[in-house]
Protein backbone atom coordinates (compact mmCIF):
# COMPACT_ATOMS: atom_id res chain seq x y z
CA UNK A 1 24.66 88.16 58.31
CA UNK A 2 26.53 85.56 60.33
CA UNK A 3 30.33 85.58 60.31
CA UNK A 4 31.43 81.95 60.56
CA UNK A 5 34.85 80.48 61.38
CA UNK A 6 35.94 76.89 62.02
CA UNK A 7 39.08 75.20 63.29
CA UNK A 8 38.53 72.40 60.78
CA UNK A 9 40.31 74.54 58.17
CA UNK A 10 43.56 74.40 60.20
CA UNK A 11 46.08 71.65 60.89
CA UNK A 12 45.15 69.65 63.99
CA UNK A 13 48.12 70.86 66.02
CA UNK A 14 47.13 74.53 65.50
CA UNK A 15 43.43 74.35 66.34
CA UNK A 16 43.50 74.86 70.09
CA UNK A 17 45.91 77.81 69.91
CA UNK A 18 43.79 79.36 67.15
CA UNK A 19 40.60 79.08 69.22
CA UNK A 20 42.35 80.47 72.31
CA UNK A 21 43.66 83.46 70.35
CA UNK A 22 40.28 84.05 68.67
CA UNK A 23 38.37 83.93 71.95
CA UNK A 24 40.80 86.32 73.65
CA UNK A 25 40.68 88.75 70.73
CA UNK A 26 36.96 88.66 69.87
CA UNK A 27 35.35 88.00 73.27
CA UNK A 28 37.66 88.61 76.28
CA UNK A 29 41.26 87.71 77.15
CA UNK A 30 41.10 84.37 78.94
CA UNK A 31 43.41 81.48 79.79
CA UNK A 32 42.22 78.21 78.24
CA UNK A 33 43.35 74.66 78.86
CA UNK A 34 42.18 71.32 77.50
CA UNK A 35 43.01 67.71 78.31
CA UNK A 36 43.38 66.69 74.65
CA UNK A 37 44.75 69.56 72.55
CA UNK A 38 45.63 67.20 69.69
CA UNK A 39 41.93 66.27 69.31
CA UNK A 40 40.56 69.77 69.73
CA UNK A 41 37.67 70.97 67.55
CA UNK A 42 35.92 74.33 67.49
CA UNK A 43 33.56 76.46 65.43
CA UNK A 44 32.01 79.85 66.00
CA UNK A 45 29.57 82.24 64.36
CA UNK A 46 28.86 85.89 65.23
CA UNK A 47 25.87 88.09 64.40
CA UNK A 48 26.05 91.88 64.85
CA UNK A 49 22.92 93.29 66.51
CA UNK A 50 23.94 96.93 66.58
CA UNK A 51 25.06 97.70 70.13
CA UNK A 52 25.54 94.04 71.02
CA UNK A 53 26.49 90.74 69.44
CA UNK A 54 25.22 87.20 69.47
CA UNK A 55 27.64 84.30 69.11
CA UNK A 56 27.14 80.57 68.73
CA UNK A 57 30.05 78.42 69.86
CA UNK A 58 30.88 74.75 69.58
CA UNK A 59 34.12 73.44 71.07
CA UNK A 60 35.76 70.42 72.64
CA UNK A 61 35.64 70.38 76.46
CA UNK A 62 37.99 72.88 78.05
CA UNK A 63 38.59 75.01 81.14
CA UNK A 64 38.65 78.79 81.06
CA UNK A 65 40.04 81.15 83.67
CA UNK A 66 39.79 84.95 83.73
CA UNK A 67 42.18 86.48 86.24
CA UNK A 68 42.63 90.09 87.44
CA UNK A 69 45.71 90.35 85.20
CA UNK A 70 43.68 89.27 82.16
CA UNK A 71 40.93 91.74 83.08
CA UNK A 72 43.51 94.52 83.14
CA UNK A 73 44.74 93.42 79.73
CA UNK A 74 41.31 93.79 78.18
CA UNK A 75 37.76 94.27 79.43
CA UNK A 76 34.79 95.20 77.19
CA UNK A 77 32.64 95.97 80.25
CA UNK A 78 29.95 93.46 79.39
CA UNK A 79 27.45 91.12 80.89
CA UNK A 80 27.60 87.92 78.87
CA UNK A 81 24.59 85.66 78.91
CA UNK A 82 24.92 82.05 77.80
CA UNK A 83 22.23 79.57 76.76
CA UNK A 84 23.56 76.01 76.94
CA UNK A 85 22.80 73.91 73.86
CA UNK A 86 24.86 70.82 74.59
CA UNK A 87 27.25 69.56 77.22
CA UNK A 88 27.59 70.93 80.74
CA UNK A 89 29.39 73.85 82.34
CA UNK A 90 30.45 74.85 85.84
CA UNK A 91 30.90 78.58 86.45
CA UNK A 92 32.35 80.26 89.52
CA UNK A 93 32.21 84.06 89.96
CA UNK A 94 31.52 86.58 92.73
CA UNK A 95 31.57 83.84 95.39
CA UNK A 96 28.77 82.07 93.51
CA UNK A 97 29.02 78.77 91.68
CA UNK A 98 26.61 76.85 89.47
CA UNK A 99 26.41 73.86 87.19
CA UNK A 100 24.27 74.06 84.07
CA UNK A 101 23.18 71.76 81.27
CA UNK A 102 21.22 71.97 78.01
CA UNK A 103 18.40 74.50 78.21
CA UNK A 104 19.85 76.40 81.16
CA UNK A 105 20.83 80.07 81.15
CA UNK A 106 23.71 81.67 83.05
CA UNK A 107 25.20 85.15 83.19
CA UNK A 108 28.67 86.45 84.05
CA UNK A 109 30.45 89.80 84.23
CA UNK A 110 33.60 90.32 82.16
CA UNK A 111 34.98 92.74 84.79
CA UNK A 112 35.13 90.10 87.51
CA UNK A 113 37.42 87.05 87.78
CA UNK A 114 35.79 83.78 86.79
CA UNK A 115 36.47 80.07 86.37
CA UNK A 116 34.64 77.86 83.89
CA UNK A 117 34.85 74.11 83.39
CA UNK A 118 33.00 72.43 80.54
CA UNK A 119 32.33 68.80 79.64
CA UNK A 120 30.51 66.83 76.97
CA UNK A 121 29.89 63.13 76.56
CA UNK A 122 29.20 63.29 72.82
CA UNK A 123 31.81 65.63 71.39
CA UNK A 124 31.29 69.39 71.47
CA UNK A 125 30.05 71.76 74.13
CA UNK A 126 27.53 74.07 72.44
CA UNK A 127 26.56 77.52 73.63
CA UNK A 128 24.62 80.53 72.35
CA UNK A 129 25.90 83.76 73.89
CA UNK A 130 24.69 87.37 74.01
CA UNK A 131 27.37 90.01 74.65
CA UNK A 132 25.59 92.94 76.33
CA UNK A 133 27.13 96.30 77.30
CA UNK A 134 26.81 96.61 81.07
CA UNK A 135 25.02 99.95 80.79
CA UNK A 136 22.35 98.41 78.55
CA UNK A 137 20.78 96.48 81.44
CA UNK A 138 18.65 98.95 83.45
CA UNK A 139 19.09 97.22 86.81
CA UNK A 140 21.40 98.11 89.72
CA UNK A 141 24.83 96.50 89.53
CA UNK A 142 24.69 95.27 93.11
CA UNK A 143 21.39 93.50 92.45
CA UNK A 144 22.64 91.90 89.24
CA UNK A 145 25.69 90.59 91.11
CA UNK A 146 23.31 88.24 92.93
CA UNK A 147 22.62 86.41 89.65
CA UNK A 148 26.21 85.99 88.49
CA UNK A 149 27.07 82.27 88.23
CA UNK A 150 23.51 81.29 89.12
CA UNK A 151 21.57 78.70 87.12
CA UNK A 152 18.44 80.12 85.44
CA UNK A 153 16.14 77.40 84.06
CA UNK A 154 15.39 78.30 80.46
CA UNK A 155 12.01 76.59 80.24
CA UNK A 156 9.88 78.74 82.54
CA UNK A 157 8.72 82.33 82.86
CA UNK A 158 10.39 85.10 80.88
CA UNK A 159 13.46 82.86 80.52
CA UNK A 160 11.41 80.58 78.25
CA UNK A 161 10.46 83.56 76.07
CA UNK A 162 14.11 84.62 75.94
CA UNK A 163 15.12 81.08 74.95
CA UNK A 164 12.57 81.03 72.13
CA UNK A 165 13.80 84.42 70.94
CA UNK A 166 17.44 83.29 70.91
CA UNK A 167 16.45 80.15 69.00
CA UNK A 168 14.59 82.20 66.39
CA UNK A 169 17.46 84.65 66.12
CA UNK A 170 19.90 81.81 65.55
CA UNK A 171 17.70 80.25 62.87
CA UNK A 172 16.54 83.38 61.03
CA UNK A 173 18.79 86.30 62.02
CA UNK A 174 20.98 85.83 58.96
CA UNK A 175 18.02 86.73 56.75
CA UNK A 176 17.49 90.14 58.39
CA UNK A 177 18.70 93.56 57.30
CA UNK A 178 21.07 95.62 59.49
CA UNK A 179 18.19 97.84 60.62
CA UNK A 180 16.07 94.81 61.52
CA UNK A 181 19.01 93.35 63.44
CA UNK A 182 19.34 96.58 65.43
CA UNK A 183 15.66 96.34 66.34
CA UNK A 184 16.15 92.71 67.33
CA UNK A 185 19.08 93.79 69.47
CA UNK A 186 16.77 96.13 71.38
CA UNK A 187 14.32 93.27 71.87
CA UNK A 188 17.14 91.03 73.12
CA UNK A 189 18.16 93.60 75.75
CA UNK A 190 14.54 94.03 76.86
CA UNK A 191 14.03 90.27 77.27
CA UNK A 192 17.32 89.79 79.12
CA UNK A 193 16.45 92.66 81.46
CA UNK A 194 12.94 91.29 82.04
CA UNK A 195 14.30 87.79 82.67
CA UNK A 196 16.86 89.00 85.20
CA UNK A 197 14.35 91.32 86.87
CA UNK A 198 11.91 88.45 87.29
CA UNK A 199 14.54 86.35 89.07
CA UNK A 200 15.40 89.32 91.29
CA UNK A 201 11.74 90.20 91.95
CA UNK A 202 12.65 93.64 90.64
CA UNK A 203 10.30 94.15 87.70
CA UNK A 204 9.31 97.53 89.14
CA UNK A 205 12.91 98.72 88.66
CA UNK A 206 12.65 98.42 84.87
CA UNK A 207 11.69 101.47 82.77
CA UNK A 208 8.08 101.41 81.63
CA UNK A 209 9.02 101.11 77.96
CA UNK A 210 11.19 98.05 78.67
CA UNK A 211 8.34 96.37 80.57
CA UNK A 212 5.97 97.15 77.72
CA UNK A 213 8.22 95.77 74.99
CA UNK A 214 8.99 92.67 77.06
CA UNK A 215 5.27 92.10 77.66
CA UNK A 216 4.63 92.25 73.92
CA UNK A 217 7.32 89.64 73.33
CA UNK A 218 5.75 87.39 75.96
CA UNK A 219 2.40 87.76 74.21
CA UNK A 220 3.97 86.94 70.84
CA UNK A 221 5.51 83.79 72.33
CA UNK A 222 2.18 82.82 73.91
CA UNK A 223 0.41 83.20 70.58
CA UNK A 224 2.99 81.07 68.77
CA UNK A 225 2.75 78.37 71.44
CA UNK A 226 -1.05 78.21 71.24
CA UNK A 227 -1.76 78.58 67.52
CA UNK A 228 -3.36 75.12 67.41
CA UNK A 229 -6.01 76.16 69.91
CA UNK A 230 -9.16 77.34 68.09
CA UNK A 231 -10.09 79.24 71.26
CA UNK A 232 -7.03 81.49 70.95
CA UNK A 233 -8.75 84.88 71.04
CA UNK A 234 -7.86 88.39 72.22
CA UNK A 235 -9.94 87.74 75.36
CA UNK A 236 -8.00 84.56 76.17
CA UNK A 237 -4.66 86.27 75.53
CA UNK A 238 -5.56 89.27 77.67
CA UNK A 239 -6.76 87.08 80.54
CA UNK A 240 -3.58 84.96 80.44
CA UNK A 241 -1.43 88.11 80.78
CA UNK A 242 -3.64 89.82 83.36
CA UNK A 243 -4.51 92.82 81.21
CA UNK A 244 -7.76 94.05 79.67
CA UNK A 245 -8.67 93.38 76.05
CA UNK A 246 -8.56 97.12 75.45
CA UNK A 247 -5.01 97.29 76.82
CA UNK A 248 -4.01 94.37 74.61
CA UNK A 249 -5.28 96.12 71.48
CA UNK A 250 -3.59 99.38 72.52
CA UNK A 251 -0.33 97.50 73.03
CA UNK A 252 -0.46 96.12 69.50
CA UNK A 253 -1.36 99.49 68.02
CA UNK A 254 1.53 101.22 69.80
CA UNK A 255 4.21 98.52 69.60
CA UNK A 256 3.07 96.00 67.00
CA UNK A 257 3.96 97.83 63.78
CA UNK A 258 0.32 98.26 62.79
CA UNK A 259 -0.66 94.56 63.03
CA UNK A 260 -3.74 93.77 65.10
CA UNK A 261 -3.98 90.84 67.49
CA UNK A 262 -6.27 88.90 65.15
CA UNK A 263 -4.04 89.66 62.16
CA UNK A 264 -0.99 88.29 63.95
CA UNK A 265 -2.79 85.08 64.94
CA UNK A 266 -4.01 84.62 61.36
CA UNK A 267 -0.60 85.34 59.83
CA UNK A 268 1.28 82.99 62.15
CA UNK A 269 -1.25 80.20 61.54
CA UNK A 270 -0.93 80.67 57.79
CA UNK A 271 2.86 80.57 58.01
CA UNK A 272 2.73 77.27 59.92
CA UNK A 273 0.25 75.80 57.41
CA UNK A 274 2.37 76.98 54.49
CA UNK A 275 5.45 75.32 55.99
CA UNK A 276 3.57 72.03 56.49
CA UNK A 277 2.14 72.10 52.97
CA UNK A 278 5.66 72.43 51.58
CA UNK A 279 6.99 69.45 53.55
CA UNK A 280 7.29 66.29 51.41
CA UNK A 281 6.86 64.12 54.52
CA UNK A 282 3.32 65.54 54.96
CA UNK A 283 2.26 65.32 51.31
CA UNK A 284 -0.27 62.55 52.07
CA UNK A 285 -2.06 64.56 54.77
CA UNK A 286 -5.27 66.24 53.59
CA UNK A 287 -5.22 70.02 53.47
CA UNK A 288 -8.08 70.24 55.96
CA UNK A 289 -6.11 68.20 58.51
CA UNK A 290 -3.22 70.64 58.31
CA UNK A 291 -5.61 73.58 58.58
CA UNK A 292 -7.29 72.11 61.66
CA UNK A 293 -3.91 71.36 63.25
CA UNK A 294 -3.15 75.08 63.30
CA UNK A 295 -6.51 76.27 64.59
CA UNK A 296 -8.54 77.11 61.47
CA UNK A 297 -12.26 76.57 61.99
CA UNK A 298 -12.99 74.97 58.60
CA UNK A 299 -11.50 74.18 55.17
CA UNK A 300 -13.41 76.87 53.28
CA UNK A 301 -12.31 79.62 55.69
CA UNK A 302 -8.73 78.36 55.49
CA UNK A 303 -8.74 78.18 51.68
CA UNK A 304 -10.07 81.73 51.29
CA UNK A 305 -7.63 83.12 53.86
CA UNK A 306 -4.65 81.28 52.34
CA UNK A 307 -5.45 82.48 48.81
CA UNK A 308 -5.86 86.05 50.03
CA UNK A 309 -2.43 85.87 51.71
CA UNK A 310 -0.42 83.97 49.09
CA UNK A 311 -2.33 84.37 45.81
CA UNK A 312 -2.91 80.62 45.28
CA UNK A 313 -5.06 77.97 46.93
CA UNK A 314 -3.50 75.59 49.47
CA UNK A 315 -3.66 72.71 46.98
CA UNK A 316 -2.05 74.81 44.23
CA UNK A 317 0.71 75.84 46.61
CA UNK A 318 1.35 72.22 47.58
CA UNK A 319 1.57 71.20 43.91
CA UNK A 320 3.94 74.05 43.12
CA UNK A 321 6.11 73.17 46.11
CA UNK A 322 6.22 69.54 45.05
CA UNK A 323 7.37 70.43 41.54
CA UNK A 324 10.00 72.81 42.94
């Protein structure tokens, strides 16, 4: 589950020092400065994923500097990958420098000096961060150095799949068991490695099992993005990912925990319909409209499939949700 802390529980004059101490102790030793310490706000949450951690941070604009002396004081030997949620950041490391905004991804190395400047026009800078052991990324260190302090757009290619995964982890990771979180940690490493390899044109340097697991995650994201399309079929999915239908089915048998391609499409459509049926704002929409929105071919097929999955008809579920 998430471990959550907030500066709002402290007196105003202690908040900046508290956040500085917490960041140096829980992430890496770093020298922070801010223009308005008396107005400083901060909050943080951490989720343990086995061999790595995910953190979500919100803080007033500040500058951060990691010097050789601070590296000697403490270095976890990590690559840290940040997904910007709000505000902007400027990062300098390894003779590279970039500026990023909401939706962008950036990566830095805790063993190298760095300078970060952040800003926000509407309050807090917000960031989701993965803390990854350096040895977990199966790419050469000298190649990865090319991506330090480089902006990676989070809306295209494997980076978009990684962004969707981080979003889902932030929203639902607290509901997972420790074993499930360890599995999700493995998936996170695979997607980070695939994302970085794509930007280095080095996909062939990844182990075969990493490429396979990352491909499956890309397929899962493609399915979720196209659930509304009634033409979403194994043939269409295979063609989009440049593999044969047979390979697609083999991939699901080997990596998909026993769920077939068609079963995943059906389950994800049902989950979206169930969520819409439970929303009070959509209570006036006919059931068949909701079913069609998520790709079901007709109301009778949807009703039978929904009852088989959840034990009640769509209308009964909507009534029960309304009473609840």
